[in-house]
């Protein structure tokens, strides 16, 4: 796998892990009332969506291995361009229901690359 593709996968993994760190011990009510928390999470979703856009540009077939990639990119576009119509319940629902699946897919791809090419897989904290 090309270095740029790996970088995008690592960026997705890091942004996803960051969102999970941000919400640890938080409720939806905490999220809704904390502008800084919302802003941080929205920024990480923008990074995830942009990384997927770049993967699509460089190797569209790789996206077939990432569930819901189209929806994630669409969500990123809503964050970037439809900020005034964003519903906090939708964001929270995506975190609770879909973000773990994305992390699983990306971890699987990185693990496959590691097994195939011995590519290092840095630990995320």
Protein backbone atom coordinates (compact mmCIF):
# COMPACT_ATOMS: atom_id res chain seq x y z
CA UNK A 1 0.00 0.00 0.00
CA UNK A 2 1.29 3.45 -0.88
CA UNK A 3 2.62 5.61 1.94
CA UNK A 4 -0.01 8.29 1.32
CA UNK A 5 -2.82 5.76 1.68
CA UNK A 6 -1.33 4.51 4.92
CA UNK A 7 -1.09 8.08 6.20
CA UNK A 8 -4.77 8.62 5.47
CA UNK A 9 -5.69 5.41 7.29
CA UNK A 10 -3.56 6.43 10.28
CA UNK A 11 -5.21 9.87 10.24
CA UNK A 12 -8.65 8.25 10.30
CA UNK A 13 -7.63 5.95 13.11
CA UNK A 14 -6.19 8.80 15.17
CA UNK A 15 -9.21 11.07 14.62
CA UNK A 16 -11.60 8.26 15.51
CA UNK A 17 -9.65 7.37 18.65
CA UNK A 18 -9.60 11.05 19.61
CA UNK A 19 -13.39 11.27 19.39
CA UNK A 20 -13.69 8.26 21.69
CA UNK A 21 -11.27 9.90 24.14
CA UNK A 22 -13.22 13.17 24.00
CA UNK A 23 -16.51 11.50 24.93
CA UNK A 24 -15.20 9.15 27.60
CA UNK A 25 -17.45 9.66 30.61
CA UNK A 26 -19.68 12.13 28.73
CA UNK A 27 -23.39 12.01 28.04
CA UNK A 28 -25.36 13.46 25.16
CA UNK A 29 -26.36 16.31 27.46
CA UNK A 30 -22.68 17.04 28.15
CA UNK A 31 -22.02 17.04 24.42
CA UNK A 32 -24.94 19.30 23.66
CA UNK A 33 -23.93 21.86 26.29
CA UNK A 34 -20.18 21.92 25.63
CA UNK A 35 -19.27 24.02 22.59
CA UNK A 36 -15.60 23.11 22.84
CA UNK A 37 -16.39 19.37 22.90
CA UNK A 38 -18.73 19.70 19.91
CA UNK A 39 -16.16 21.71 17.98
CA UNK A 40 -13.40 19.18 18.64
CA UNK A 41 -15.55 16.26 17.59
CA UNK A 42 -16.79 18.02 14.48
CA UNK A 43 -13.19 18.84 13.50
CA UNK A 44 -12.18 15.18 13.86
CA UNK A 45 -15.13 14.14 11.69
CA UNK A 46 -13.97 16.64 9.05
CA UNK A 47 -10.50 15.06 9.13
CA UNK A 48 -11.99 11.59 8.77
CA UNK A 49 -14.12 12.65 5.81
CA UNK A 50 -11.27 14.45 4.08
CA UNK A 51 -8.96 11.46 4.53
CA UNK A 52 -11.62 9.24 2.94
CA UNK A 53 -11.96 11.74 0.07
CA UNK A 54 -8.21 11.52 -0.53
CA UNK A 55 -8.29 7.72 -0.43
CA UNK A 56 -11.08 7.84 -3.02
CA UNK A 57 -8.87 10.01 -5.21
CA UNK A 58 -5.78 7.80 -4.84
CA UNK A 59 -7.26 4.27 -4.66
CA UNK A 60 -11.06 4.06 -4.88
CA UNK A 61 -11.03 0.27 -4.55
CA UNK A 62 -9.70 0.58 -0.99
CA UNK A 63 -12.92 2.31 0.02
CA UNK A 64 -14.87 -0.86 -0.74
CA UNK A 65 -13.29 -2.27 2.42
CA UNK A 66 -14.62 0.57 4.59
CA UNK A 67 -18.28 0.26 5.50
CA UNK A 68 -20.41 3.35 5.09
CA UNK A 69 -17.61 5.39 3.51
CA UNK A 70 -20.07 7.28 1.31
CA UNK A 71 -22.20 8.26 4.30
CA UNK A 72 -19.14 9.37 6.23
CA UNK A 73 -17.98 11.62 3.39
CA UNK A 74 -21.52 13.01 3.05
CA UNK A 75 -21.58 13.71 6.77
CA UNK A 76 -18.25 15.52 6.48
CA UNK A 77 -19.74 17.70 3.75
CA UNK A 78 -22.69 18.56 5.96
CA UNK A 79 -20.29 19.53 8.76
CA UNK A 80 -18.23 21.69 6.42
CA UNK A 81 -21.03 23.31 4.40
CA UNK A 82 -24.28 22.81 6.30
CA UNK A 83 -23.14 23.82 9.75
CA UNK A 84 -26.38 25.71 10.38
CA UNK A 85 -28.51 22.60 9.88
CA UNK A 86 -26.48 20.21 12.02
CA UNK A 87 -28.47 18.23 14.58
CA UNK A 88 -26.47 17.29 17.68
CA UNK A 89 -28.53 14.11 18.11
CA UNK A 90 -27.37 12.90 14.70
CA UNK A 91 -23.72 13.51 15.54
CA UNK A 92 -24.07 11.70 18.87
CA UNK A 93 -25.89 8.82 17.18
CA UNK A 94 -23.11 8.43 14.63
CA UNK A 95 -20.56 8.32 17.43
CA UNK A 96 -22.51 5.69 19.35
CA UNK A 97 -23.62 3.51 16.42
CA UNK A 98 -21.17 3.90 13.53
CA UNK A 99 -17.79 5.18 14.64
CA UNK A 100 -16.72 1.86 16.13
CA UNK A 101 -17.38 0.14 12.80
CA UNK A 102 -15.16 2.64 11.01
CA UNK A 103 -12.39 2.08 13.53
CA UNK A 104 -12.72 -1.71 13.10
CA UNK A 105 -12.43 -1.41 9.31
CA UNK A 106 -9.41 0.87 9.45
CA UNK A 107 -7.69 -1.27 12.09
CA UNK A 108 -8.29 -4.35 9.93
CA UNK A 109 -6.77 -2.66 6.87
CA UNK A 110 -3.73 -1.50 8.84
CA UNK A 111 -3.29 -4.96 10.35
CA UNK A 112 -3.48 -6.55 6.88
CA UNK A 113 -0.83 -4.13 5.67
CA UNK A 114 1.31 -4.87 8.70
CA UNK A 115 1.09 -8.64 8.10
CA UNK A 116 1.72 -8.29 4.37
CA UNK A 117 4.51 -5.72 4.32
CA UNK A 118 5.70 -5.41 7.90
CA UNK A 119 4.47 -1.84 8.02
CA UNK A 120 4.62 -0.45 11.57
CA UNK A 121 1.31 0.03 13.30
CA UNK A 122 1.75 2.71 15.96
CA UNK A 123 -0.26 2.41 19.13
CA UNK A 124 -3.04 4.94 19.67
CA UNK A 125 -3.61 6.19 23.22
